[in-house]
């Protein structure tokens, strides 16, 4: 309860102790919010990793295509020089 009050901006206020039922309810709520936040963060991380992997793969494919085009251009230039 003290942590919750500090997050809300109340500093130094005296707080009466919670009964066991209210403390359990508050703890369950806090745990539930932490789980939802954690799952959301994990989803964001996994999506970022997926997008980064796709971008890396796309860059590698573009590099390979560019390399092939350069090799073809060099072969054509050599053929023109020999003719």
N, C-alpha and C. Protein backbone atom coordinates (compact mmCIF):
# COMPACT_ATOMS: atom_id res chain seq x y z
N UNK A 1 0.83 -1.19 0.00
CA UNK A 1 0.00 0.00 0.00
C UNK A 1 0.88 1.26 0.00
N UNK A 2 1.99 1.18 0.72
CA UNK A 2 2.90 2.33 0.75
C UNK A 2 3.45 2.62 -0.65
N UNK A 3 3.82 1.56 -1.37
CA UNK A 3 4.35 1.74 -2.72
C UNK A 3 3.29 2.37 -3.62
N UNK A 4 2.06 1.94 -3.50
CA UNK A 4 0.99 2.48 -4.31
C UNK A 4 0.77 3.96 -4.00
N UNK A 5 0.81 4.32 -2.73
CA UNK A 5 0.63 5.72 -2.34
C UNK A 5 1.80 6.57 -2.85
N UNK A 6 3.01 6.03 -2.82
CA UNK A 6 4.16 6.77 -3.32
C UNK A 6 4.04 7.00 -4.83
N UNK A 7 3.55 5.96 -5.54
CA UNK A 7 3.37 6.11 -6.98
C UNK A 7 2.33 7.17 -7.31
N UNK A 8 1.34 7.32 -6.44
CA UNK A 8 0.29 8.31 -6.66
C UNK A 8 0.73 9.70 -6.22
N UNK A 9 1.90 9.81 -5.58
CA UNK A 9 2.44 11.12 -5.22
C UNK A 9 2.27 11.51 -3.78
N UNK A 10 1.76 10.66 -2.94
CA UNK A 10 1.59 10.97 -1.53
C UNK A 10 2.85 10.53 -0.78
N UNK A 11 3.58 11.50 -0.26
CA UNK A 11 4.82 11.21 0.44
C UNK A 11 4.64 11.46 1.93
N UNK A 12 5.13 10.57 2.73
CA UNK A 12 5.14 10.76 4.16
C UNK A 12 3.78 10.64 4.84
N UNK A 13 2.76 10.25 4.11
CA UNK A 13 1.44 10.11 4.72
C UNK A 13 1.40 8.80 5.51
N UNK A 14 0.79 8.85 6.67
CA UNK A 14 0.67 7.62 7.47
C UNK A 14 -0.46 6.78 6.90
N UNK A 15 -0.21 5.52 6.82
CA UNK A 15 -1.17 4.59 6.24
C UNK A 15 -1.49 3.54 7.27
N UNK A 16 -2.77 3.34 7.48
CA UNK A 16 -3.15 2.31 8.44
C UNK A 16 -2.95 0.94 7.79
N UNK A 17 -2.58 -0.05 8.55
CA UNK A 17 -2.34 -1.38 8.00
C UNK A 17 -3.63 -1.96 7.38
N UNK A 18 -3.43 -2.68 6.30
CA UNK A 18 -4.56 -3.32 5.62
C UNK A 18 -4.90 -4.63 6.31
N UNK A 19 -6.17 -4.99 6.21
CA UNK A 19 -6.52 -6.31 6.72
C UNK A 19 -6.04 -7.35 5.71
N UNK A 20 -6.07 -8.59 6.08
CA UNK A 20 -5.49 -9.66 5.27
C UNK A 20 -6.21 -9.79 3.92
N UNK A 21 -7.49 -9.64 3.91
CA UNK A 21 -8.26 -9.78 2.67
C UNK A 21 -7.92 -8.65 1.68
N UNK A 22 -7.86 -7.43 2.18
CA UNK A 22 -7.54 -6.29 1.31
C UNK A 22 -6.10 -6.39 0.80
N UNK A 23 -5.19 -6.85 1.64
CA UNK A 23 -3.80 -7.00 1.22
C UNK A 23 -3.68 -8.07 0.14
N UNK A 24 -4.41 -9.18 0.29
CA UNK A 24 -4.37 -10.24 -0.71
C UNK A 24 -4.96 -9.76 -2.02
N UNK A 25 -6.04 -8.99 -1.95
CA UNK A 25 -6.67 -8.47 -3.16
C UNK A 25 -5.75 -7.50 -3.88
N UNK A 26 -5.12 -6.62 -3.12
CA UNK A 26 -4.19 -5.66 -3.71
C UNK A 26 -2.97 -6.37 -4.31
N UNK A 27 -2.47 -7.39 -3.63
CA UNK A 27 -1.34 -8.16 -4.15
C UNK A 27 -1.70 -8.89 -5.43
N UNK A 28 -2.92 -9.46 -5.47
CA UNK A 28 -3.37 -10.17 -6.67
C UNK A 28 -3.52 -9.20 -7.84
N UNK A 29 -4.04 -8.03 -7.55
CA UNK A 29 -4.19 -7.02 -8.60
C UNK A 29 -2.83 -6.59 -9.13
N UNK A 30 -1.89 -6.37 -8.24
CA UNK A 30 -0.54 -5.97 -8.63
C UNK A 30 0.13 -7.07 -9.45
N UNK A 31 -0.02 -8.31 -9.03
CA UNK A 31 0.56 -9.43 -9.76
C UNK A 31 -0.07 -9.55 -11.15
N UNK A 32 -1.38 -9.40 -11.23
CA UNK A 32 -2.06 -9.47 -12.52
C UNK A 32 -1.58 -8.39 -13.47
N UNK A 33 -1.44 -7.18 -12.97
CA UNK A 33 -0.95 -6.09 -13.81
C UNK A 33 0.49 -6.33 -14.25
N UNK A 34 1.30 -6.89 -13.37
CA UNK A 34 2.69 -7.19 -13.73
C UNK A 34 2.75 -8.25 -14.83
N UNK A 35 1.88 -9.23 -14.73
CA UNK A 35 1.86 -10.29 -15.76
C UNK A 35 1.43 -9.71 -17.10
N UNK A 36 0.38 -8.89 -17.10
CA UNK A 36 -0.08 -8.28 -18.35
C UNK A 36 1.02 -7.41 -18.95
N UNK A 37 1.67 -6.61 -18.12
CA UNK A 37 2.76 -5.76 -18.59
C UNK A 37 3.90 -6.61 -19.15
N UNK A 38 4.24 -7.69 -18.46
CA UNK A 38 5.32 -8.56 -18.92
C UNK A 38 5.00 -9.22 -20.25
N UNK A 39 3.78 -9.70 -20.40
CA UNK A 39 3.38 -10.34 -21.67
C UNK A 39 3.39 -9.31 -22.79
N UNK A 40 2.91 -8.10 -22.51
CA UNK A 40 2.94 -7.04 -23.52
C UNK A 40 4.36 -6.70 -23.94
N UNK A 41 5.25 -6.59 -22.97
CA UNK A 41 6.65 -6.30 -23.27
C UNK A 41 7.30 -7.42 -24.07
N UNK A 42 6.97 -8.65 -23.72
CA UNK A 42 7.51 -9.80 -24.46
C UNK A 42 7.01 -9.80 -25.91
N UNK A 43 5.74 -9.49 -26.10
CA UNK A 43 5.19 -9.42 -27.46
C UNK A 43 5.90 -8.34 -28.28
N UNK A 44 6.14 -7.19 -27.67
CA UNK A 44 6.85 -6.12 -28.37
C UNK A 44 8.27 -6.56 -28.75
N UNK A 45 8.95 -7.21 -27.82
CA UNK A 45 10.31 -7.66 -28.10
C UNK A 45 10.33 -8.69 -29.23
N UNK A 46 9.40 -9.65 -29.18
CA UNK A 46 9.36 -10.69 -30.22
C UNK A 46 9.04 -10.10 -31.58
N UNK A 47 8.14 -9.13 -31.63
CA UNK A 47 7.81 -8.48 -32.91
C UNK A 47 9.02 -7.71 -33.43
N UNK A 48 9.73 -7.02 -32.55
CA UNK A 48 10.94 -6.30 -32.96
C UNK A 48 11.97 -7.27 -33.53
N UNK A 49 12.17 -8.39 -32.84
CA UNK A 49 13.15 -9.38 -33.30
C UNK A 49 12.74 -9.96 -34.65
N UNK A 50 11.44 -10.19 -34.83
CA UNK A 50 10.96 -10.73 -36.11
C UNK A 50 11.19 -9.73 -37.23
N UNK A 51 10.87 -8.47 -36.99
CA UNK A 51 11.06 -7.44 -38.00
C UNK A 51 12.55 -7.26 -38.33
N UNK A 52 13.39 -7.32 -37.32
CA UNK A 52 14.83 -7.19 -37.55
C UNK A 52 15.35 -8.35 -38.39
N UNK A 53 14.86 -9.55 -38.12
CA UNK A 53 15.26 -10.72 -38.90
C UNK A 53 14.83 -10.61 -40.35
N UNK A 54 13.61 -10.13 -40.56
CA UNK A 54 13.13 -9.96 -41.94
C UNK A 54 13.94 -8.90 -42.67
N UNK A 55 14.27 -7.82 -41.99
CA UNK A 55 15.05 -6.76 -42.62
C UNK A 55 16.45 -7.27 -42.98
N UNK A 56 17.04 -8.05 -42.08
CA UNK A 56 18.37 -8.61 -42.35
C UNK A 56 18.32 -9.55 -43.55
N UNK A 57 17.28 -10.38 -43.61
CA UNK A 57 17.13 -11.32 -44.73
C UNK A 57 16.94 -10.56 -46.04
N UNK A 58 16.12 -9.50 -46.01
CA UNK A 58 15.88 -8.70 -47.20
C UNK A 58 17.18 -8.03 -47.67
N UNK A 59 17.98 -7.53 -46.74
CA UNK A 59 19.26 -6.91 -47.09
C UNK A 59 20.21 -7.93 -47.71
N UNK A 60 20.24 -9.13 -47.16
CA UNK A 60 21.10 -10.17 -47.72
C UNK A 60 20.67 -10.54 -49.14
N UNK A 61 19.36 -10.61 -49.36
CA UNK A 61 18.87 -10.94 -50.71
C UNK A 61 19.21 -9.83 -51.69
N UNK A 62 19.08 -8.57 -51.27
CA UNK A 62 19.43 -7.46 -52.15
C UNK A 62 20.92 -7.45 -52.46
N UNK A 63 21.74 -7.76 -51.47
CA UNK A 63 23.18 -7.81 -51.67
C UNK A 63 23.54 -8.91 -52.66
N UNK A 64 22.90 -10.07 -52.52
CA UNK A 64 23.17 -11.18 -53.44
C UNK A 64 22.73 -10.82 -54.86
N UNK A 65 21.59 -10.18 -55.00
CA UNK A 65 21.11 -9.78 -56.33
C UNK A 65 22.05 -8.76 -56.95
N UNK A 66 22.49 -7.81 -56.17
CA UNK A 66 23.42 -6.79 -56.68
C UNK A 66 24.74 -7.43 -57.10
N UNK A 67 25.22 -8.39 -56.32
CA UNK A 67 26.46 -9.09 -56.67
C UNK A 67 26.30 -9.84 -57.99
N UNK A 68 25.16 -10.51 -58.17
CA UNK A 68 24.91 -11.24 -59.42
C UNK A 68 24.85 -10.29 -60.61
N UNK A 69 24.21 -9.15 -60.42
CA UNK A 69 24.12 -8.18 -61.52
C UNK A 69 25.49 -7.63 -61.88
N UNK A 70 26.32 -7.39 -60.89
CA UNK A 70 27.68 -6.90 -61.17
C UNK A 70 28.49 -7.95 -61.93
N UNK A 71 28.34 -9.22 -61.54
CA UNK A 71 29.06 -10.28 -62.24
C UNK A 71 28.59 -10.38 -63.68
N UNK A 72 27.30 -10.26 -63.92
CA UNK A 72 26.78 -10.31 -65.29
C UNK A 72 27.30 -9.13 -66.10
N UNK A 73 27.33 -7.96 -65.47
CA UNK A 73 27.84 -6.77 -66.16
C UNK A 73 29.31 -6.94 -66.52
N UNK A 74 30.11 -7.49 -65.62
CA UNK A 74 31.53 -7.72 -65.91
C UNK A 74 31.70 -8.71 -67.06
N UNK A 75 30.88 -9.77 -67.06
CA UNK A 75 30.97 -10.75 -68.16
C UNK A 75 30.59 -10.10 -69.50
N UNK A 76 29.56 -9.28 -69.49
CA UNK A 76 29.17 -8.61 -70.73
C UNK A 76 30.23 -7.65 -71.21
N UNK A 77 30.88 -6.95 -70.28
CA UNK A 77 31.96 -6.03 -70.66
C UNK A 77 33.14 -6.80 -71.25
N UNK A 78 33.44 -7.96 -70.66
CA UNK A 78 34.53 -8.78 -71.20
C UNK A 78 34.19 -9.30 -72.59
N UNK A 79 32.94 -9.67 -72.80
CA UNK A 79 32.53 -10.16 -74.12
C UNK A 79 32.64 -9.03 -75.16
N UNK A 80 32.26 -7.82 -74.75
CA UNK A 80 32.36 -6.69 -75.67
C UNK A 80 33.83 -6.39 -76.02
N UNK A 81 34.70 -6.53 -75.07
CA UNK A 81 36.11 -6.26 -75.32
C UNK A 81 36.74 -7.31 -76.21
N UNK A 82 36.27 -8.54 -76.12
CA UNK A 82 36.85 -9.60 -76.95
C UNK A 82 36.29 -9.58 -78.36
N UNK A 83 35.17 -8.93 -78.58
CA UNK A 83 34.57 -8.89 -79.92
C UNK A 83 35.18 -7.83 -80.75
